[in-house]
Amino acid sequence: MKTNLITREGWHRLDDELKYLWKEERPRVTQAVSEAAALGDRSENAEYIYGKKRLREIDRRLRFLMKRLEVLEIVDYSPQQDGKVFFGAYVEVENDDGEMAHYRIVGTDEIDVKKKHITINSPMARALIGKQIDDEVQVRTPEGVKVWYINQIQYTPFDTPSGDST
């Protein structure tokens, strides 16, 4: 299930990618293909063949981004969200073994494993939505049900001294 929700930062990232591809990358590759085509025999011209392939990739991504940006719904933070987990929240959870984890609940277009951004459709996010600090959440995983406790909820990134976003 693909939701059409996105944070404002996520929408700007996709829009910036669209602008970069359209205004910088595509013209650069188009110029390189034109120059390669001018060299003669295109059937054995690796630069021409690669450039045409790259242009198709860029055009495919541009079409996707244009269509996707049209249907996305930006969800902004609202002060009424404070104290509960909603879309865009940064959440710190802990299990019975004392293991802690940090997540941010985002749309499917913003998933970033390194930053611990999880989609709102994930089992963890579905379990967290609407909960408050000290609530217990049960998350169904392939290994069985895991229990987590909510320690912290905020709508700005967690401060991490090492630069680690976990």
C-alpha atoms as a PDB file:
ATOM      1  CA  MET A   1       0.000   0.000   0.000  1.00  0.00           C
ATOM      2  CA  LYS A   2       1.556   3.276  -1.067  1.00  0.00           C
ATOM      3  CA  THR A   3       0.421   6.346   0.827  1.00  0.00           C
ATOM      4  CA  ASN A   4       0.493   9.804  -0.643  1.00  0.00           C
ATOM      5  CA  LEU A   5       1.691  11.444   2.568  1.00  0.00           C
ATOM      6  CA  ILE A   6       5.032  13.213   2.742  1.00  0.00           C
ATOM      7  CA  THR A   7       6.792  15.626   5.063  1.00  0.00           C
ATOM      8  CA  ARG A   8       7.566  19.100   3.759  1.00  0.00           C
ATOM      9  CA  GLU A   9      11.313  18.306   3.802  1.00  0.00           C
ATOM     10  CA  GLY A  10      10.697  15.120   1.829  1.00  0.00           C
ATOM     11  CA  TRP A  11       8.624  16.978  -0.765  1.00  0.00           C
ATOM     12  CA  HIS A  12      11.389  19.566  -1.186  1.00  0.00           C
ATOM     13  CA  ARG A  13      13.993  16.813  -1.647  1.00  0.00           C
ATOM     14  CA  LEU A  14      11.953  15.248  -4.465  1.00  0.00           C
ATOM     15  CA  ASP A  15      11.274  18.654  -6.025  1.00  0.00           C
ATOM     16  CA  ASP A  16      15.003  19.521  -5.861  1.00  0.00           C
ATOM     17  CA  GLU A  17      15.845  16.208  -7.541  1.00  0.00           C
ATOM     18  CA  LEU A  18      13.321  16.953 -10.305  1.00  0.00           C
ATOM     19  CA  LYS A  19      14.796  20.418 -10.876  1.00  0.00           C
ATOM     20  CA  TYR A  20      18.369  19.086 -10.863  1.00  0.00           C
ATOM     21  CA  LEU A  21      17.570  16.343 -13.368  1.00  0.00           C
ATOM     22  CA  TRP A  22      15.641  18.713 -15.641  1.00  0.00           C
ATOM     23  CA  LYS A  23      17.901  21.774 -15.513  1.00  0.00           C
ATOM     24  CA  GLU A  24      21.364  20.290 -15.038  1.00  0.00           C
ATOM     25  CA  GLU A  25      21.729  16.540 -15.568  1.00  0.00           C
ATOM     26  CA  ARG A  26      19.514  16.109 -18.647  1.00  0.00           C
ATOM     27  CA  PRO A  27      21.041  19.044 -20.598  1.00  0.00           C
ATOM     28  CA  ARG A  28      24.551  17.814 -19.743  1.00  0.00           C
ATOM     29  CA  VAL A  29      23.821  14.260 -20.912  1.00  0.00           C
ATOM     30  CA  THR A  30      21.991  15.525 -24.003  1.00  0.00           C
ATOM     31  CA  GLN A  31      25.060  17.583 -24.942  1.00  0.00           C
ATOM     32  CA  ALA A  32      27.337  14.558 -24.420  1.00  0.00           C
ATOM     33  CA  VAL A  33      25.079  12.406 -26.629  1.00  0.00           C
ATOM     34  CA  SER A  34      25.088  15.080 -29.369  1.00  0.00           C
ATOM     35  CA  GLU A  35      28.868  15.251 -29.271  1.00  0.00           C
ATOM     36  CA  ALA A  36      29.172  11.458 -29.382  1.00  0.00           C
ATOM     37  CA  ALA A  37      26.723  11.270 -32.301  1.00  0.00           C
ATOM     38  CA  ALA A  38      28.813  13.768 -34.245  1.00  0.00           C
ATOM     39  CA  LEU A  39      31.767  11.368 -34.130  1.00  0.00           C
ATOM     40  CA  GLY A  40      30.170   9.091 -36.713  1.00  0.00           C
ATOM     41  CA  ASP A  41      29.156   5.425 -36.476  1.00  0.00           C
ATOM     42  CA  ARG A  42      26.699   5.239 -33.604  1.00  0.00           C
ATOM     43  CA  SER A  43      26.359   1.446 -33.569  1.00  0.00           C
ATOM     44  CA  GLU A  44      29.812   0.968 -32.022  1.00  0.00           C
ATOM     45  CA  ASN A  45      30.062   4.270 -30.177  1.00  0.00           C
ATOM     46  CA  ALA A  46      30.002   3.383 -26.458  1.00  0.00           C
ATOM     47  CA  GLU A  47      29.605   6.991 -25.336  1.00  0.00           C
ATOM     48  CA  TYR A  48      26.590   7.446 -27.584  1.00  0.00           C
ATOM     49  CA  ILE A  49      24.986   4.147 -26.501  1.00  0.00           C
ATOM     50  CA  TYR A  50      25.586   4.838 -22.798  1.00  0.00           C
ATOM     51  CA  GLY A  51      24.372   8.441 -23.145  1.00  0.00           C
ATOM     52  CA  LYS A  52      21.118   7.361 -24.794  1.00  0.00           C
ATOM     53  CA  LYS A  53      20.589   4.790 -22.040  1.00  0.00           C
ATOM     54  CA  ARG A  54      21.240   7.436 -19.384  1.00  0.00           C
ATOM     55  CA  LEU A  55      18.793   9.825 -21.077  1.00  0.00           C
ATOM     56  CA  ARG A  56      16.082   7.138 -20.940  1.00  0.00           C
ATOM     57  CA  GLU A  57      16.801   6.620 -17.217  1.00  0.00           C
ATOM     58  CA  ILE A  58      16.603  10.366 -16.561  1.00  0.00           C
ATOM     59  CA  ASP A  59      13.378  10.725 -18.543  1.00  0.00           C
ATOM     60  CA  ARG A  60      11.820   7.777 -16.695  1.00  0.00           C
ATOM     61  CA  ARG A  61      12.744   9.312 -13.325  1.00  0.00           C
ATOM     62  CA  LEU A  62      11.467  12.743 -14.425  1.00  0.00           C
ATOM     63  CA  ARG A  63       8.087  11.269 -15.439  1.00  0.00           C
ATOM     64  CA  PHE A  64       7.855   9.448 -12.106  1.00  0.00           C
ATOM     65  CA  LEU A  65       8.734  12.551 -10.084  1.00  0.00           C
ATOM     66  CA  MET A  66       6.320  14.801 -11.974  1.00  0.00           C
ATOM     67  CA  LYS A  67       3.431  12.375 -11.479  1.00  0.00           C
ATOM     68  CA  ARG A  68       4.337  11.631  -7.869  1.00  0.00           C
ATOM     69  CA  LEU A  69       4.720  15.270  -6.803  1.00  0.00           C
ATOM     70  CA  GLU A  70       1.236  16.000  -8.169  1.00  0.00           C
ATOM     71  CA  VAL A  71      -0.459  13.463  -5.877  1.00  0.00           C
ATOM     72  CA  LEU A  72       1.611  13.819  -2.718  1.00  0.00           C
ATOM     73  CA  GLU A  73      -0.041  15.438   0.292  1.00  0.00           C
ATOM     74  CA  ILE A  74       2.320  17.412   2.513  1.00  0.00           C
ATOM     75  CA  VAL A  75       1.725  16.843   6.215  1.00  0.00           C
ATOM     76  CA  ASP A  76       3.043  19.670   8.384  1.00  0.00           C
ATOM     77  CA  TYR A  77       3.622  19.582  12.115  1.00  0.00           C
ATOM     78  CA  SER A  78       0.816  20.933  14.281  1.00  0.00           C
ATOM     79  CA  PRO A  79       1.196  21.847  17.990  1.00  0.00           C
ATOM     80  CA  GLN A  80      -1.838  19.663  18.760  1.00  0.00           C
ATOM     81  CA  GLN A  81       0.351  16.642  17.923  1.00  0.00           C
ATOM     82  CA  ASP A  82       2.636  17.203  20.918  1.00  0.00           C
ATOM     83  CA  GLY A  83       2.673  14.275  23.304  1.00  0.00           C
ATOM     84  CA  LYS A  84       1.401  11.743  20.761  1.00  0.00           C
ATOM     85  CA  VAL A  85       2.942   9.907  17.833  1.00  0.00           C
ATOM     86  CA  PHE A  86       1.720  11.071  14.447  1.00  0.00           C
ATOM     87  CA  PHE A  87       3.141  11.320  10.941  1.00  0.00           C
ATOM     88  CA  GLY A  88       6.535  13.042  10.960  1.00  0.00           C
ATOM     89  CA  ALA A  89       7.294  12.225  14.613  1.00  0.00           C
ATOM     90  CA  TYR A  90      10.705  11.240  15.904  1.00  0.00           C
ATOM     91  CA  VAL A  91      10.203   8.454  18.445  1.00  0.00           C
ATOM     92  CA  GLU A  92      12.543   6.803  20.923  1.00  0.00           C
ATOM     93  CA  VAL A  93      11.497   3.297  21.955  1.00  0.00           C
ATOM     94  CA  GLU A  94      12.973   0.736  24.318  1.00  0.00           C
ATOM     95  CA  ASN A  95      12.356  -2.979  24.786  1.00  0.00           C
ATOM     96  CA  ASP A  96      12.493  -5.158  27.926  1.00  0.00           C
ATOM     97  CA  ASP A  97      16.186  -5.899  27.283  1.00  0.00           C
ATOM     98  CA  GLY A  98      17.022  -2.200  27.469  1.00  0.00           C
ATOM     99  CA  GLU A  99      17.689  -1.940  23.721  1.00  0.00           C
ATOM    100  CA  MET A 100      16.798   1.512  22.449  1.00  0.00           C
ATOM    101  CA  ALA A 101      15.916   2.607  18.945  1.00  0.00           C
ATOM    102  CA  HIS A 102      15.055   5.917  17.299  1.00  0.00           C
ATOM    103  CA  TYR A 103      12.689   6.210  14.361  1.00  0.00           C
ATOM    104  CA  ARG A 104      11.017   8.891  12.315  1.00  0.00           C
ATOM    105  CA  ILE A 105       7.664   8.114  10.740  1.00  0.00           C
ATOM    106  CA  VAL A 106       7.573   9.310   7.126  1.00  0.00           C
ATOM    107  CA  GLY A 107       5.946   8.568   3.770  1.00  0.00           C
ATOM    108  CA  THR A 108       7.018   5.815   1.412  1.00  0.00           C
ATOM    109  CA  ASP A 109       9.002   8.274  -0.717  1.00  0.00           C
ATOM    110  CA  GLU A 110      11.203   9.229   2.243  1.00  0.00           C
ATOM    111  CA  ILE A 111      12.362   5.893   3.648  1.00  0.00           C
ATOM    112  CA  ASP A 112      16.014   6.123   4.685  1.00  0.00           C
ATOM    113  CA  VAL A 113      17.440   3.148   6.562  1.00  0.00           C
ATOM    114  CA  LYS A 114      20.589   5.019   7.623  1.00  0.00           C
ATOM    115  CA  LYS A 115      18.553   7.829   9.187  1.00  0.00           C
ATOM    116  CA  LYS A 116      16.041   5.338  10.681  1.00  0.00           C
ATOM    117  CA  HIS A 117      13.176   6.896   8.702  1.00  0.00           C
ATOM    118  CA  ILE A 118      10.437   4.283   8.488  1.00  0.00           C
ATOM    119  CA  THR A 119       7.323   4.335   6.375  1.00  0.00           C
ATOM    120  CA  ILE A 120       3.980   5.012   8.000  1.00  0.00           C
ATOM    121  CA  ASN A 121       2.901   1.646   6.551  1.00  0.00           C
ATOM    122  CA  SER A 122       5.510  -0.339   8.482  1.00  0.00           C
ATOM    123  CA  PRO A 123       4.396  -2.545  11.389  1.00  0.00           C
ATOM    124  CA  MET A 124       6.394  -0.420  13.863  1.00  0.00           C
ATOM    125  CA  ALA A 125       4.875   2.861  12.658  1.00  0.00           C
ATOM    126  CA  ARG A 126       1.342   1.438  12.634  1.00  0.00           C
ATOM    127  CA  ALA A 127       1.825   0.285  16.219  1.00  0.00           C
ATOM    128  CA  LEU A 128       3.196   3.689  17.309  1.00  0.00           C
ATOM    129  CA  ILE A 129       0.601   5.994  15.695  1.00  0.00           C
ATOM    130  CA  GLY A 130      -1.601   7.679  18.295  1.00  0.00           C
ATOM    131  CA  LYS A 131       0.418   6.439  21.273  1.00  0.00           C
ATOM    132  CA  GLN A 132       1.962   8.535  24.059  1.00  0.00           C
ATOM    133  CA  ILE A 133       5.107   8.441  26.196  1.00  0.00           C
ATOM    134  CA  ASP A 134       5.233   5.333  28.457  1.00  0.00           C
ATOM    135  CA  ASP A 135       2.714   3.475  26.264  1.00  0.00           C
ATOM    136  CA  GLU A 136       3.491  -0.111  25.392  1.00  0.00           C
ATOM    137  CA  VAL A 137       3.341  -1.092  21.740  1.00  0.00           C
ATOM    138  CA  GLN A 138       3.283  -4.586  20.322  1.00  0.00           C
ATOM    139  CA  VAL A 139       4.847  -5.028  16.919  1.00  0.00           C
ATOM    140  CA  ARG A 140       4.306  -8.155  14.846  1.00  0.00           C
ATOM    141  CA  THR A 141       7.563  -9.286  13.256  1.00  0.00           C
ATOM    142  CA  PRO A 142       8.584 -12.476  11.424  1.00  0.00           C
ATOM    143  CA  GLU A 143      10.176 -13.623  14.713  1.00  0.00           C
ATOM    144  CA  GLY A 144       6.945 -13.018  16.629  1.00  0.00           C
ATOM    145  CA  VAL A 145       5.440 -10.171  18.620  1.00  0.00           C
ATOM    146  CA  LYS A 146       7.952  -7.688  20.068  1.00  0.00           C
ATOM    147  CA  VAL A 147       7.055  -5.292  22.867  1.00  0.00           C
ATOM    148  CA  TRP A 148       8.422  -1.753  22.917  1.00  0.00           C
ATOM    149  CA  TYR A 149       7.875   1.168  25.282  1.00  0.00           C
ATOM    150  CA  ILE A 150       7.796   4.772  24.125  1.00  0.00           C
ATOM    151  CA  ASN A 151      10.389   6.917  25.934  1.00  0.00           C
ATOM    152  CA  GLN A 152      10.323  10.098  23.902  1.00  0.00           C
ATOM    153  CA  ILE A 153       8.286  11.779  21.166  1.00  0.00           C
ATOM    154  CA  GLN A 154       9.271  14.950  19.373  1.00  0.00           C
ATOM    155  CA  TYR A 155       8.821  16.626  16.041  1.00  0.00           C
ATOM    156  CA  THR A 156      12.406  17.816  15.626  1.00  0.00           C
ATOM    157  CA  PRO A 157      15.435  15.525  15.150  1.00  0.00           C
ATOM    158  CA  PHE A 158      16.987  13.956  18.222  1.00  0.00           C
ATOM    159  CA  ASP A 159      20.312  15.433  19.278  1.00  0.00           C
ATOM    160  CA  THR A 160      22.961  12.782  18.931  1.00  0.00           C
ATOM    161  CA  PRO A 161      26.472  13.703  20.073  1.00  0.00           C
ATOM    162  CA  SER A 162      28.194  11.262  17.721  1.00  0.00           C
ATOM    163  CA  GLY A 163      26.151  12.346  14.722  1.00  0.00           C
ATOM    164  CA  ASP A 164      24.476   8.926  14.758  1.00  0.00           C
ATOM    165  CA  SER A 165      20.741   9.086  14.149  1.00  0.00           C
ATOM    166  CA  THR A 166      19.917   5.760  15.825  1.00  0.00           C
END
